[in-house]
C-alpha atoms as a PDB file:
ATOM      1  CA  UNK A   1      66.981  24.129 101.832  1.00  0.00           C
ATOM      2  CA  UNK A   2      68.020  25.838  98.693  1.00  0.00           C
ATOM      3  CA  UNK A   3      66.487  29.257  99.466  1.00  0.00           C
ATOM      4  CA  UNK A   4      67.815  28.953 103.192  1.00  0.00           C
ATOM      5  CA  UNK A   5      71.409  28.539 101.538  1.00  0.00           C
ATOM      6  CA  UNK A   6      70.957  31.421  99.572  1.00  0.00           C
ATOM      7  CA  UNK A   7      69.827  33.905 102.257  1.00  0.00           C
ATOM      8  CA  UNK A   8      72.669  32.827 104.652  1.00  0.00           C
ATOM      9  CA  UNK A   9      75.354  33.576 101.900  1.00  0.00           C
ATOM     10  CA  UNK A  10      73.393  37.115 101.093  1.00  0.00           C
ATOM     11  CA  UNK A  11      73.798  37.734 105.154  1.00  0.00           C
ATOM     12  CA  UNK A  12      77.126  36.786 105.102  1.00  0.00           C
ATOM     13  CA  UNK A  13      78.501  39.027 102.195  1.00  0.00           C
ATOM     14  CA  UNK A  14      76.298  41.546 103.477  1.00  0.00           C
ATOM     15  CA  UNK A  15      78.280  41.606 107.036  1.00  0.00           C
ATOM     16  CA  UNK A  16      81.380  41.408 105.107  1.00  0.00           C
ATOM     17  CA  UNK A  17      80.710  44.263 103.236  1.00  0.00           C
ATOM     18  CA  UNK A  18      79.971  46.029 106.513  1.00  0.00           C
ATOM     19  CA  UNK A  19      83.094  45.065 107.978  1.00  0.00           C
ATOM     20  CA  UNK A  20      85.187  46.136 105.318  1.00  0.00           C
ATOM     21  CA  UNK A  21      83.386  49.643 105.259  1.00  0.00           C
ATOM     22  CA  UNK A  22      83.914  50.356 108.971  1.00  0.00           C
ATOM     23  CA  UNK A  23      87.504  49.364 108.650  1.00  0.00           C
ATOM     24  CA  UNK A  24      88.275  51.804 105.364  1.00  0.00           C
ATOM     25  CA  UNK A  25      86.215  54.545 108.029  1.00  0.00           C
ATOM     26  CA  UNK A  26      88.088  53.817 110.796  1.00  0.00           C
ATOM     27  CA  UNK A  27      91.646  54.026 108.605  1.00  0.00           C
ATOM     28  CA  UNK A  28      90.237  57.389 106.859  1.00  0.00           C
ATOM     29  CA  UNK A  29      89.423  58.851 110.624  1.00  0.00           C
ATOM     30  CA  UNK A  30      92.915  58.066 111.804  1.00  0.00           C
ATOM     31  CA  UNK A  31      94.768  59.659 109.172  1.00  0.00           C
ATOM     32  CA  UNK A  32      92.626  62.956 109.163  1.00  0.00           C
ATOM     33  CA  UNK A  33      92.056  63.201 113.023  1.00  0.00           C
ATOM     34  CA  UNK A  34      92.541  67.165 113.849  1.00  0.00           C
ATOM     35  CA  UNK A  35      91.625  67.316 117.131  1.00  0.00           C
ATOM     36  CA  UNK A  36      94.131  69.015 119.659  1.00  0.00           C
ATOM     37  CA  UNK A  37      96.335  69.369 116.673  1.00  0.00           C
ATOM     38  CA  UNK A  38      97.913  73.217 116.031  1.00  0.00           C
ATOM     39  CA  UNK A  39      96.499  73.848 112.587  1.00  0.00           C
ATOM     40  CA  UNK A  40      98.821  77.002 111.952  1.00  0.00           C
ATOM     41  CA  UNK A  41     101.777  76.866 109.173  1.00  0.00           C
ATOM     42  CA  UNK A  42     105.453  77.885 110.269  1.00  0.00           C
ATOM     43  CA  UNK A  43     107.257  80.086 107.869  1.00  0.00           C
ATOM     44  CA  UNK A  44     109.487  77.167 108.049  1.00  0.00           C
ATOM     45  CA  UNK A  45     107.565  74.632 106.611  1.00  0.00           C
ATOM     46  CA  UNK A  46     106.390  77.088 103.765  1.00  0.00           C
ATOM     47  CA  UNK A  47     110.578  78.202 102.860  1.00  0.00           C
ATOM     48  CA  UNK A  48     111.544  74.482 102.835  1.00  0.00           C
ATOM     49  CA  UNK A  49     108.115  73.931 100.477  1.00  0.00           C
ATOM     50  CA  UNK A  50     109.098  76.493  98.231  1.00  0.00           C
ATOM     51  CA  UNK A  51     112.614  75.922  98.381  1.00  0.00           C
ATOM     52  CA  UNK A  52     111.581  72.291  96.950  1.00  0.00           C
ATOM     53  CA  UNK A  53     109.710  74.044  93.749  1.00  0.00           C
ATOM     54  CA  UNK A  54     112.445  75.896  93.440  1.00  0.00           C
ATOM     55  CA  UNK A  55     114.757  73.081  92.890  1.00  0.00           C
ATOM     56  CA  UNK A  56     112.848  71.045  90.718  1.00  0.00           C
ATOM     57  CA  UNK A  57     112.068  73.786  88.314  1.00  0.00           C
ATOM     58  CA  UNK A  58     116.245  73.677  88.053  1.00  0.00           C
ATOM     59  CA  UNK A  59     116.738  70.391  87.649  1.00  0.00           C
ATOM     60  CA  UNK A  60     114.014  70.524  84.792  1.00  0.00           C
ATOM     61  CA  UNK A  61     115.611  73.310  83.215  1.00  0.00           C
ATOM     62  CA  UNK A  62     119.041  71.814  83.482  1.00  0.00           C
ATOM     63  CA  UNK A  63     117.823  68.164  82.037  1.00  0.00           C
ATOM     64  CA  UNK A  64     115.982  70.181  78.836  1.00  0.00           C
ATOM     65  CA  UNK A  65     118.009  72.207  76.870  1.00  0.00           C
ATOM     66  CA  UNK A  66     116.116  73.166  73.720  1.00  0.00           C
ATOM     67  CA  UNK A  67     117.685  70.807  70.716  1.00  0.00           C
ATOM     68  CA  UNK A  68     119.387  72.675  67.563  1.00  0.00           C
ATOM     69  CA  UNK A  69     118.793  71.141  64.182  1.00  0.00           C
ATOM     70  CA  UNK A  70     121.672  72.349  61.819  1.00  0.00           C
ATOM     71  CA  UNK A  71     121.085  72.649  58.058  1.00  0.00           C
ATOM     72  CA  UNK A  72     123.638  72.929  55.858  1.00  0.00           C
ATOM     73  CA  UNK A  73     122.324  74.653  52.040  1.00  0.00           C
ATOM     74  CA  UNK A  74     125.074  74.455  49.246  1.00  0.00           C
ATOM     75  CA  UNK A  75     124.548  75.694  46.080  1.00  0.00           C
ATOM     76  CA  UNK A  76     126.381  75.139  42.969  1.00  0.00           C
ATOM     77  CA  UNK A  77     126.843  76.342  39.581  1.00  0.00           C
ATOM     78  CA  UNK A  78     126.861  75.288  36.145  1.00  0.00           C
ATOM     79  CA  UNK A  79     129.920  76.475  35.027  1.00  0.00           C
ATOM     80  CA  UNK A  80     132.603  76.355  38.111  1.00  0.00           C
ATOM     81  CA  UNK A  81     135.456  78.111  35.758  1.00  0.00           C
ATOM     82  CA  UNK A  82     133.080  81.068  34.871  1.00  0.00           C
ATOM     83  CA  UNK A  83     131.667  81.774  38.040  1.00  0.00           C
ATOM     84  CA  UNK A  84     132.714  82.198  41.728  1.00  0.00           C
ATOM     85  CA  UNK A  85     131.632  79.410  43.839  1.00  0.00           C
ATOM     86  CA  UNK A  86     128.871  80.646  46.029  1.00  0.00           C
ATOM     87  CA  UNK A  87     129.336  80.218  49.693  1.00  0.00           C
ATOM     88  CA  UNK A  88     127.686  77.760  52.149  1.00  0.00           C
ATOM     89  CA  UNK A  89     125.182  79.060  54.035  1.00  0.00           C
ATOM     90  CA  UNK A  90     124.374  77.465  57.777  1.00  0.00           C
ATOM     91  CA  UNK A  91     120.906  77.818  59.078  1.00  0.00           C
ATOM     92  CA  UNK A  92     120.259  76.893  62.550  1.00  0.00           C
ATOM     93  CA  UNK A  93     116.664  75.986  63.746  1.00  0.00           C
ATOM     94  CA  UNK A  94     115.861  76.004  67.347  1.00  0.00           C
ATOM     95  CA  UNK A  95     113.409  73.362  68.298  1.00  0.00           C
ATOM     96  CA  UNK A  96     111.860  73.777  71.757  1.00  0.00           C
ATOM     97  CA  UNK A  97     110.141  71.267  73.721  1.00  0.00           C
ATOM     98  CA  UNK A  98     106.498  71.760  73.898  1.00  0.00           C
ATOM     99  CA  UNK A  99     105.181  72.303  77.298  1.00  0.00           C
ATOM    100  CA  UNK A 100     103.355  70.061  79.358  1.00  0.00           C
ATOM    101  CA  UNK A 101     100.473  71.012  81.721  1.00  0.00           C
ATOM    102  CA  UNK A 102      98.404  69.537  84.926  1.00  0.00           C
ATOM    103  CA  UNK A 103      94.823  71.248  85.107  1.00  0.00           C
ATOM    104  CA  UNK A 104      94.515  72.157  88.784  1.00  0.00           C
ATOM    105  CA  UNK A 105      90.708  72.453  90.047  1.00  0.00           C
ATOM    106  CA  UNK A 106      89.413  73.204  93.421  1.00  0.00           C
ATOM    107  CA  UNK A 107      85.871  74.073  94.490  1.00  0.00           C
ATOM    108  CA  UNK A 108      85.719  77.945  94.432  1.00  0.00           C
ATOM    109  CA  UNK A 109      88.484  78.747  92.280  1.00  0.00           C
ATOM    110  CA  UNK A 110      88.637  78.624  88.493  1.00  0.00           C
ATOM    111  CA  UNK A 111      90.403  75.959  86.602  1.00  0.00           C
ATOM    112  CA  UNK A 112      93.847  76.377  86.108  1.00  0.00           C
ATOM    113  CA  UNK A 113      96.440  74.898  83.600  1.00  0.00           C
ATOM    114  CA  UNK A 114      99.688  74.723  85.585  1.00  0.00           C
ATOM    115  CA  UNK A 115     103.216  74.142  84.236  1.00  0.00           C
ATOM    116  CA  UNK A 116     104.643  70.127  84.600  1.00  0.00           C
ATOM    117  CA  UNK A 117     107.861  70.062  85.454  1.00  0.00           C
ATOM    118  CA  UNK A 118     109.380  66.808  86.014  1.00  0.00           C
ATOM    119  CA  UNK A 119     109.316  65.485  89.532  1.00  0.00           C
ATOM    120  CA  UNK A 120     106.337  67.298  90.311  1.00  0.00           C
ATOM    121  CA  UNK A 121     103.868  65.922  93.195  1.00  0.00           C
ATOM    122  CA  UNK A 122     100.101  67.508  93.785  1.00  0.00           C
ATOM    123  CA  UNK A 123     102.013  69.460  96.890  1.00  0.00           C
ATOM    124  CA  UNK A 124     104.619  71.270  94.576  1.00  0.00           C
ATOM    125  CA  UNK A 125     101.952  71.615  91.572  1.00  0.00           C
ATOM    126  CA  UNK A 126      99.912  73.593  94.714  1.00  0.00           C
ATOM    127  CA  UNK A 127     102.018  75.531  96.058  1.00  0.00           C
ATOM    128  CA  UNK A 128     103.186  76.656  92.258  1.00  0.00           C
ATOM    129  CA  UNK A 129     100.177  77.784  91.548  1.00  0.00           C
ATOM    130  CA  UNK A 130     100.075  79.640  94.879  1.00  0.00           C
ATOM    131  CA  UNK A 131     103.009  81.528  94.100  1.00  0.00           C
ATOM    132  CA  UNK A 132     101.874  82.376  90.407  1.00  0.00           C
ATOM    133  CA  UNK A 133      98.466  82.780  91.024  1.00  0.00           C
ATOM    134  CA  UNK A 134      98.324  84.181  94.727  1.00  0.00           C
ATOM    135  CA  UNK A 135      95.932  81.296  95.420  1.00  0.00           C
ATOM    136  CA  UNK A 136      95.978  81.480  99.325  1.00  0.00           C
ATOM    137  CA  UNK A 137      96.951  78.028 100.254  1.00  0.00           C
ATOM    138  CA  UNK A 138      97.370  76.273 104.106  1.00  0.00           C
ATOM    139  CA  UNK A 139      98.237  73.196 105.337  1.00  0.00           C
ATOM    140  CA  UNK A 140      99.604  71.173 108.442  1.00  0.00           C
ATOM    141  CA  UNK A 141     102.622  69.187 109.170  1.00  0.00           C
ATOM    142  CA  UNK A 142     101.722  65.332 110.772  1.00  0.00           C
ATOM    143  CA  UNK A 143     103.538  62.370 111.243  1.00  0.00           C
ATOM    144  CA  UNK A 144     101.908  60.858 108.156  1.00  0.00           C
ATOM    145  CA  UNK A 145     102.592  63.927 105.683  1.00  0.00           C
ATOM    146  CA  UNK A 146     100.733  67.215 105.082  1.00  0.00           C
ATOM    147  CA  UNK A 147      97.150  67.432 105.018  1.00  0.00           C
ATOM    148  CA  UNK A 148      95.908  70.653 103.568  1.00  0.00           C
ATOM    149  CA  UNK A 149      93.798  72.862 105.904  1.00  0.00           C
ATOM    150  CA  UNK A 150      93.012  76.160 103.569  1.00  0.00           C
ATOM    151  CA  UNK A 151      92.600  76.473  99.710  1.00  0.00           C
ATOM    152  CA  UNK A 152      91.291  80.113  98.612  1.00  0.00           C
ATOM    153  CA  UNK A 153      88.737  81.507 101.250  1.00  0.00           C
ATOM    154  CA  UNK A 154      87.725  77.810 102.183  1.00  0.00           C
ATOM    155  CA  UNK A 155      89.332  76.338 105.741  1.00  0.00           C
ATOM    156  CA  UNK A 156      89.006  72.764 106.369  1.00  0.00           C
ATOM    157  CA  UNK A 157      86.918  72.956 109.782  1.00  0.00           C
ATOM    158  CA  UNK A 158      84.217  71.227 111.620  1.00  0.00           C
ATOM    159  CA  UNK A 159      83.236  68.167 109.616  1.00  0.00           C
ATOM    160  CA  UNK A 160      84.564  69.977 106.611  1.00  0.00           C
ATOM    161  CA  UNK A 161      88.163  68.793 104.639  1.00  0.00           C
ATOM    162  CA  UNK A 162      89.986  69.133 101.548  1.00  0.00           C
ATOM    163  CA  UNK A 163      89.828  65.920  99.682  1.00  0.00           C
ATOM    164  CA  UNK A 164      92.183  64.922  96.928  1.00  0.00           C
ATOM    165  CA  UNK A 165      91.472  63.757  93.975  1.00  0.00           C
ATOM    166  CA  UNK A 166      93.332  63.007  90.489  1.00  0.00           C
ATOM    167  CA  UNK A 167      92.027  62.292  87.313  1.00  0.00           C
ATOM    168  CA  UNK A 168      88.570  61.537  88.530  1.00  0.00           C
ATOM    169  CA  UNK A 169      89.694  59.224  91.206  1.00  0.00           C
ATOM    170  CA  UNK A 170      90.259  59.748  95.156  1.00  0.00           C
ATOM    171  CA  UNK A 171      93.803  59.648  95.856  1.00  0.00           C
ATOM    172  CA  UNK A 172      94.896  57.169  98.002  1.00  0.00           C
ATOM    173  CA  UNK A 173      97.990  58.651  99.043  1.00  0.00           C
ATOM    174  CA  UNK A 174      98.935  61.915 100.647  1.00  0.00           C
ATOM    175  CA  UNK A 175      99.434  65.134  98.768  1.00  0.00           C
ATOM    176  CA  UNK A 176     103.303  65.287  99.013  1.00  0.00           C
ATOM    177  CA  UNK A 177     103.575  61.452  97.910  1.00  0.00           C
ATOM    178  CA  UNK A 178     101.023  61.534  94.622  1.00  0.00           C
ATOM    179  CA  UNK A 179     103.605  61.951  91.776  1.00  0.00           C
ATOM    180  CA  UNK A 180     101.829  64.593  89.134  1.00  0.00           C
ATOM    181  CA  UNK A 181     102.302  63.350  85.674  1.00  0.00           C
ATOM    182  CA  UNK A 182     101.707  65.531  82.270  1.00  0.00           C
ATOM    183  CA  UNK A 183      97.964  66.069  81.421  1.00  0.00           C
ATOM    184  CA  UNK A 184      96.670  65.016  85.277  1.00  0.00           C
ATOM    185  CA  UNK A 185      94.005  66.666  86.296  1.00  0.00           C
ATOM    186  CA  UNK A 186      94.478  67.412  90.368  1.00  0.00           C
ATOM    187  CA  UNK A 187      91.042  68.364  91.882  1.00  0.00           C
ATOM    188  CA  UNK A 188      90.708  69.495  95.616  1.00  0.00           C
ATOM    189  CA  UNK A 189      86.577  68.940  96.484  1.00  0.00           C
ATOM    190  CA  UNK A 190      85.458  70.458  99.994  1.00  0.00           C
ATOM    191  CA  UNK A 191      83.849  67.228 101.313  1.00  0.00           C
ATOM    192  CA  UNK A 192      82.163  66.931 104.949  1.00  0.00           C
ATOM    193  CA  UNK A 193      83.040  63.443 106.354  1.00  0.00           C
ATOM    194  CA  UNK A 194      79.566  63.271 108.017  1.00  0.00           C
END
């Protein structure tokens, strides 16, 4: 009887695992379907994305002004009546904030360090890399968000797509919703869903 109950429990756990995997697969395939969709990127989308990157840069520039620390050096003499008092010297030291970086990796490309700007997303980081390092990037706008269709010379076609990982784990949100932080590793892997 005990063996029968154990087998019964194992059977139901196995069935539950299969049901969960099928549900995740259905959600994944529904979000990544591209049949019948036009995958060309319009110049308006690229211009809008470039303007978003530019506005993020301007925000960061106005928020992070260098801090100036003033030091006063006063020199005194032993006998104030015989010598003229020496002038007070003021020196300025400019303290610049340390730059922050995000590591960008993609199959078929070298690793890049992209400067982090507050408010960055994985999408803005990728566009900044494309603009500064002359890396080809293609994407398509869908109702659910943007989908990356090309990085470098590799295009998402047939069963292959660009999978987004952050800090070694599969991203659970889209490229434009994934908030990037200083020190993050954003990685694009060219994978097949089969």
